[in-house]
Amino acid sequence: MAGRVHIAIASGKGGTGKTTISVSLANWFAKLGRKVALLDCDVEEPNANLFLKTEIRVRETIYTPVPGVDEDRCTGCGRCEEVCNFNAIVIIQKKPLVLPDLCHSCGGCIMECPEKAIYEVQKEIGILEEGYNDGIIYAGGRLKIGQPVAPPLIKALKSNCYSADVRIIDAPPGTSCPVVESLRGCDCAVLVTEPTPFGLNDLKLAVGMARRLGIPFGILINRSDIGNNSIIDYCREENIELIASVPHSRLIAEAYSRGDFIDEFHSSFPHVFDALTAFAERYSGTGRSS
């Protein structure tokens, strides 16, 4: 591989096999002798390490800044409420009320307060975990229960493991803000889908997201023999690269239920991982991940 590559594995919907591909691809690269890191950015429901079985050696609490108010300085002018696009500060009886769960930590209220009455308070949002096993660096995030905003934790998670030759992002499902943050800055993305009406609908949303972010991407169809040809037709119509197709396998499904599907997946469909490797190599050294 010519250089480092930062590849995201994403999907428009849950249950398509995104984590299955992420974990298996990480092991594949490790067997090829690459220094690989897997980052589980699904911080609301992290599950990649259930299959990697990495011993967590480092845990770090992550905080994000939210506004605090010095009431002795505050004049109740309302400028903070005006500049907040997220309604995280409201003025009640000429006093600002901070709603930290709505805050996106942009710092606009602090910059715009004419009396300098607003300051930063650190709010705990979750933890980062890191470990190493069988040639794979694992890093994952766990959003604190009750916290509604995941992107700051994902951003902190993605600042890890830059020493790896291959960084694989296991993105959350869907196309919401956490997914956008997970894909931002990646060299390329693999969109995992399934040949069903729901799969096609949500794939179209994921394609629109990747195009908006300007990230090169390709499609991997999982359980390709249980539906119809709608995904193939869509890729042809939109001139989208179809990287590989994976047929349904009862053996892999049974191994998955035991948590030991990786070797079975590699031996059953080595061409899939050859295709994914070639796809990643095409974008290695492009500089987006450096």
Protein backbone atom coordinates (compact mmCIF):
# COMPACT_ATOMS: atom_id res chain seq x y z
CA MET A 1 0.00 0.00 0.00
CA ALA A 2 1.46 3.33 -1.09
CA GLY A 3 0.51 5.27 2.02
CA ARG A 4 -1.86 5.56 4.92
CA VAL A 5 -5.56 5.24 4.31
CA HIS A 6 -8.52 6.23 6.43
CA ILE A 7 -11.55 4.19 5.33
CA ALA A 8 -15.09 4.42 6.70
CA ILE A 9 -17.55 1.54 6.71
CA ALA A 10 -21.04 3.02 6.77
CA SER A 11 -24.64 2.20 5.91
CA GLY A 12 -27.90 4.06 5.50
CA LYS A 13 -29.61 1.73 7.95
CA GLY A 14 -28.79 -0.65 10.77
CA GLY A 15 -28.54 -4.41 10.39
CA THR A 16 -26.84 -4.48 6.99
CA GLY A 17 -23.59 -6.05 8.26
CA LYS A 18 -21.51 -2.90 8.64
CA THR A 19 -19.73 -4.00 11.82
CA THR A 20 -19.25 -7.49 10.38
CA ILE A 21 -17.37 -5.97 7.44
CA SER A 22 -15.42 -3.53 9.65
CA VAL A 23 -14.13 -6.18 12.04
CA SER A 24 -13.38 -8.70 9.29
CA LEU A 25 -11.54 -6.11 7.19
CA ALA A 26 -9.43 -5.05 10.17
CA ASN A 27 -8.39 -8.66 10.73
CA TRP A 28 -7.69 -9.09 7.02
CA PHE A 29 -5.32 -6.11 6.95
CA ALA A 30 -3.63 -7.35 10.14
CA LYS A 31 -2.98 -10.72 8.48
CA LEU A 32 -1.42 -8.85 5.55
CA GLY A 33 1.06 -7.33 8.00
CA ARG A 34 -0.45 -3.85 8.03
CA LYS A 35 -0.55 -1.74 11.18
CA VAL A 36 -4.31 -1.39 11.47
CA ALA A 37 -6.65 0.41 13.84
CA LEU A 38 -10.38 -0.06 14.18
CA LEU A 39 -12.33 2.88 15.59
CA ASP A 40 -15.86 2.06 16.72
CA CYS A 41 -17.63 5.39 16.24
CA ASP A 42 -21.08 4.03 17.05
CA VAL A 43 -20.66 5.52 20.51
CA GLU A 44 -24.31 5.00 21.45
CA GLU A 45 -24.16 1.25 20.79
CA PRO A 46 -20.52 0.14 20.43
CA ASN A 47 -20.23 -3.55 19.63
CA ALA A 48 -17.08 -4.08 17.52
CA ASN A 49 -15.07 -5.23 20.51
CA LEU A 50 -17.55 -8.03 21.21
CA PHE A 51 -15.90 -9.73 18.22
CA LEU A 52 -12.34 -8.39 18.53
CA LYS A 53 -12.25 -9.31 22.24
CA THR A 54 -9.54 -6.73 22.91
CA GLU A 55 -8.45 -6.17 26.49
CA ILE A 56 -9.10 -2.50 27.22
CA ARG A 57 -5.93 -1.00 28.67
CA VAL A 58 -6.67 2.74 28.57
CA ARG A 59 -9.84 4.62 29.51
CA GLU A 60 -10.18 8.39 29.28
CA THR A 61 -13.10 10.58 30.31
CA ILE A 62 -14.06 13.13 27.65
CA TYR A 63 -15.56 16.52 28.34
CA THR A 64 -17.08 19.24 26.18
CA PRO A 65 -17.43 22.94 27.07
CA VAL A 66 -20.85 24.40 27.83
CA PRO A 67 -21.63 27.95 29.00
CA GLY A 68 -21.76 29.09 32.58
CA VAL A 69 -23.05 32.53 33.60
CA ASP A 70 -21.55 35.06 36.02
CA GLU A 71 -24.80 36.61 37.25
CA ASP A 72 -22.97 39.51 38.89
CA ARG A 73 -21.71 40.66 35.48
CA CYS A 74 -24.78 39.71 33.42
CA THR A 75 -27.09 42.60 32.50
CA GLY A 76 -29.72 40.44 30.80
CA CYS A 77 -29.17 42.08 27.41
CA GLY A 78 -30.16 38.87 25.59
CA ARG A 79 -27.28 38.82 23.13
CA CYS A 80 -26.42 35.22 24.07
CA GLU A 81 -29.96 34.09 23.26
CA GLU A 82 -29.82 35.89 19.90
CA VAL A 83 -26.62 34.22 18.72
CA CYS A 84 -27.44 30.67 19.87
CA ASN A 85 -28.78 28.68 16.91
CA PHE A 86 -29.66 25.75 19.14
CA ASN A 87 -31.82 27.49 21.77
CA ALA A 88 -29.39 26.42 24.48
CA ILE A 89 -29.69 29.79 26.25
CA VAL A 90 -33.00 31.51 26.89
CA ILE A 91 -33.65 34.76 28.76
CA ILE A 92 -36.23 34.51 31.54
CA GLN A 93 -36.95 37.66 33.56
CA LYS A 94 -33.71 39.21 32.23
CA LYS A 95 -31.65 36.24 33.38
CA PRO A 96 -30.06 33.66 31.05
CA LEU A 97 -31.07 30.04 31.58
CA VAL A 98 -28.55 27.54 30.17
CA LEU A 99 -29.88 24.26 28.73
CA PRO A 100 -26.62 22.26 28.45
CA ASP A 101 -28.19 19.28 26.66
CA LEU A 102 -28.99 21.55 23.70
CA CYS A 103 -25.55 23.15 23.58
CA HIS A 104 -23.26 22.31 20.63
CA SER A 105 -20.18 23.91 22.24
CA CYS A 106 -19.71 26.44 19.44
CA GLY A 107 -18.57 29.21 21.84
CA GLY A 108 -20.63 31.89 20.11
CA CYS A 109 -22.29 33.06 23.31
CA ILE A 110 -18.91 33.53 25.00
CA MET A 111 -17.54 35.52 22.07
CA GLU A 112 -20.60 37.75 21.72
CA CYS A 113 -21.36 38.55 25.38
CA PRO A 114 -20.64 42.29 25.74
CA GLU A 115 -20.15 42.01 29.51
CA LYS A 116 -17.90 38.92 29.36
CA ALA A 117 -20.33 37.29 31.76
CA ILE A 118 -20.27 33.86 30.08
CA TYR A 119 -17.48 31.36 30.63
CA GLU A 120 -16.80 27.70 29.84
CA VAL A 121 -17.84 24.85 32.11
CA GLN A 122 -16.60 21.33 31.34
CA LYS A 123 -19.37 18.76 30.94
CA GLU A 124 -18.67 15.01 30.90
CA ILE A 125 -20.05 13.36 27.76
CA GLY A 126 -18.50 9.89 27.76
CA ILE A 127 -15.33 7.80 27.78
CA LEU A 128 -12.79 6.57 25.26
CA GLU A 129 -11.39 3.04 25.41
CA GLU A 130 -8.28 1.67 23.76
CA GLY A 131 -6.57 -1.70 23.57
CA TYR A 132 -4.41 -3.90 21.36
CA ASN A 133 -4.89 -7.51 20.31
CA ASP A 134 -3.70 -9.76 17.44
CA GLY A 135 -2.12 -6.91 15.50
CA ILE A 136 -5.15 -4.61 15.75
CA ILE A 137 -5.39 -1.38 17.71
CA TYR A 138 -8.95 -0.92 18.96
CA ALA A 139 -10.42 2.41 20.04
CA GLY A 140 -14.04 3.00 20.91
CA GLY A 141 -16.25 5.54 22.58
CA ARG A 142 -19.13 5.14 25.00
CA LEU A 143 -21.53 8.05 25.23
CA LYS A 144 -22.64 8.80 28.78
CA ILE A 145 -26.22 7.67 29.38
CA GLY A 146 -28.60 10.56 28.89
CA GLN A 147 -26.26 12.63 26.74
CA PRO A 148 -28.02 13.58 23.49
CA VAL A 149 -25.08 14.86 21.42
CA ALA A 150 -22.58 12.29 20.14
CA PRO A 151 -20.38 14.22 17.61
CA PRO A 152 -17.99 15.76 20.19
CA LEU A 153 -17.16 12.29 21.54
CA ILE A 154 -16.72 10.91 18.01
CA LYS A 155 -14.42 13.81 17.15
CA ALA A 156 -12.30 13.04 20.22
CA LEU A 157 -12.22 9.35 19.29
CA LYS A 158 -11.03 10.09 15.76
CA SER A 159 -8.02 11.98 17.09
CA ASN A 160 -6.56 8.59 18.15
CA CYS A 161 -4.49 5.95 16.35
CA TYR A 162 -2.92 8.16 13.70
CA SER A 163 0.21 5.98 13.79
CA ALA A 164 -1.70 3.16 12.05
CA ASP A 165 -1.23 2.53 8.33
CA VAL A 166 -4.91 1.67 7.97
CA ARG A 167 -7.61 3.30 10.09
CA ILE A 168 -11.04 1.72 9.73
CA ILE A 169 -14.00 3.73 10.96
CA ASP A 170 -17.02 1.65 11.96
CA ALA A 171 -19.60 4.43 11.58
CA PRO A 172 -23.03 4.53 13.25
CA PRO A 173 -25.98 3.52 11.07
CA GLY A 174 -28.03 6.12 9.24
CA THR A 175 -27.13 9.57 7.93
CA SER A 176 -27.48 11.77 11.00
CA CYS A 177 -24.89 14.12 12.57
CA PRO A 178 -22.87 11.32 14.28
CA VAL A 179 -22.45 9.60 10.91
CA VAL A 180 -21.38 12.82 9.21
CA GLU A 181 -18.79 13.42 11.93
CA SER A 182 -17.54 9.83 11.59
CA LEU A 183 -17.03 10.14 7.82
CA ARG A 184 -15.60 13.65 7.83
CA GLY A 185 -11.97 13.61 6.65
CA CYS A 186 -11.94 9.97 5.52
CA ASP A 187 -10.10 9.06 2.32
CA CYS A 188 -12.90 6.79 1.12
CA ALA A 189 -16.02 5.01 2.31
CA VAL A 190 -17.67 1.64 1.80
CA LEU A 191 -21.47 1.82 1.97
CA VAL A 192 -22.87 -1.54 3.05
CA THR A 193 -26.42 -2.28 1.96
CA GLU A 194 -28.89 -5.08 1.34
CA PRO A 195 -31.08 -5.76 -1.72
CA THR A 196 -34.43 -4.79 -0.21
CA PRO A 197 -36.71 -1.76 -0.68
CA PHE A 198 -35.63 -0.37 2.70
CA GLY A 199 -32.00 -1.04 1.85
CA LEU A 200 -32.27 0.87 -1.43
CA ASN A 201 -34.11 3.80 0.13
CA ASP A 202 -31.56 4.27 2.89
CA LEU A 203 -28.64 3.65 0.53
CA LYS A 204 -29.78 6.61 -1.55
CA LEU A 205 -29.63 8.79 1.57
CA ALA A 206 -26.12 7.52 2.37
CA VAL A 207 -24.97 8.17 -1.20
CA GLY A 208 -26.27 11.73 -0.99
CA MET A 209 -24.39 12.23 2.28
CA ALA A 210 -21.10 10.88 0.89
CA ARG A 211 -21.41 13.04 -2.20
CA ARG A 212 -22.13 16.12 -0.12
CA LEU A 213 -19.01 15.42 1.97
CA GLY A 214 -16.94 14.89 -1.18
CA ILE A 215 -15.76 11.43 -0.10
CA PRO A 216 -15.05 8.76 -2.75
CA PHE A 217 -17.22 5.72 -2.07
CA GLY A 218 -18.27 2.33 -3.32
CA ILE A 219 -21.07 -0.12 -2.54
CA LEU A 220 -20.91 -3.55 -0.91
CA ILE A 221 -24.10 -5.62 -1.10
CA ASN A 222 -24.55 -8.00 1.81
CA ARG A 223 -26.89 -11.02 1.60
CA SER A 224 -26.99 -10.29 -2.11
CA ASP A 225 -29.01 -13.38 -3.06
CA ILE A 226 -32.05 -12.84 -0.82
CA GLY A 227 -33.60 -9.82 -2.54
CA ASN A 228 -33.79 -8.32 -6.00
CA ASN A 229 -31.51 -6.49 -8.45
CA SER A 230 -32.59 -2.98 -7.40
CA ILE A 231 -29.22 -2.10 -5.85
CA ILE A 232 -27.30 -3.25 -8.94
CA ASP A 233 -29.66 -1.28 -11.20
CA TYR A 234 -29.28 1.81 -9.01
CA CYS A 235 -25.47 1.59 -9.07
CA ARG A 236 -25.55 1.27 -12.86
CA GLU A 237 -27.91 4.24 -13.26
CA GLU A 238 -25.89 6.46 -10.92
CA ASN A 239 -22.48 5.27 -12.14
CA ILE A 240 -21.54 4.09 -8.63
CA GLU A 241 -18.80 1.52 -8.11
CA LEU A 242 -20.01 -1.87 -6.88
CA ILE A 243 -17.04 -3.19 -4.91
CA ALA A 244 -18.34 -6.65 -4.08
CA SER A 245 -21.39 -8.75 -3.26
CA VAL A 246 -21.65 -11.18 -0.35
CA PRO A 247 -24.30 -13.93 -0.62
CA HIS A 248 -26.18 -15.14 2.41
CA SER A 249 -24.34 -17.85 4.36
CA ARG A 250 -25.91 -19.89 7.14
CA LEU A 251 -22.43 -20.95 8.33
CA ILE A 252 -21.35 -17.34 8.80
CA ALA A 253 -24.65 -16.48 10.49
CA GLU A 254 -24.16 -19.32 12.97
CA ALA A 255 -20.53 -18.31 13.57
CA TYR A 256 -21.64 -14.69 14.06
CA SER A 257 -24.07 -15.78 16.78
CA ARG A 258 -21.12 -17.37 18.59
CA GLY A 259 -18.93 -14.29 18.06
CA ASP A 260 -16.29 -16.13 15.99
CA PHE A 261 -17.32 -15.51 12.38
CA ILE A 262 -14.14 -13.81 11.17
CA ASP A 263 -12.09 -16.81 9.98
CA GLU A 264 -15.18 -18.38 8.41
CA PHE A 265 -15.91 -15.14 6.56
CA HIS A 266 -12.33 -14.87 5.25
CA SER A 267 -12.19 -18.48 4.05
CA SER A 268 -15.65 -18.39 2.44
CA PHE A 269 -15.30 -15.09 0.57
CA PRO A 270 -11.62 -14.14 0.14
CA HIS A 271 -12.46 -12.32 -3.12
CA VAL A 272 -14.56 -9.84 -1.14
CA PHE A 273 -11.58 -8.81 0.96
CA ASP A 274 -9.28 -8.72 -2.05
CA ALA A 275 -11.73 -6.28 -3.63
CA LEU A 276 -11.94 -4.17 -0.47
CA THR A 277 -8.14 -4.11 -0.21
CA ALA A 278 -7.83 -2.96 -3.82
CA PHE A 279 -10.46 -0.27 -3.19
CA ALA A 280 -8.56 1.02 -0.13
CA GLU A 281 -5.22 0.93 -1.96
CA ARG A 282 -6.62 3.19 -4.65
CA TYR A 283 -7.07 5.98 -2.09
CA SER A 284 -4.03 5.39 0.12
CA GLY A 285 -1.60 8.27 0.25
CA THR A 286 -4.20 10.77 -0.99
CA GLY A 287 -3.49 13.01 2.00
CA ARG A 288 -7.01 13.43 3.44
CA SER A 289 -6.16 11.22 6.43
CA SER A 290 -2.76 12.74 7.15
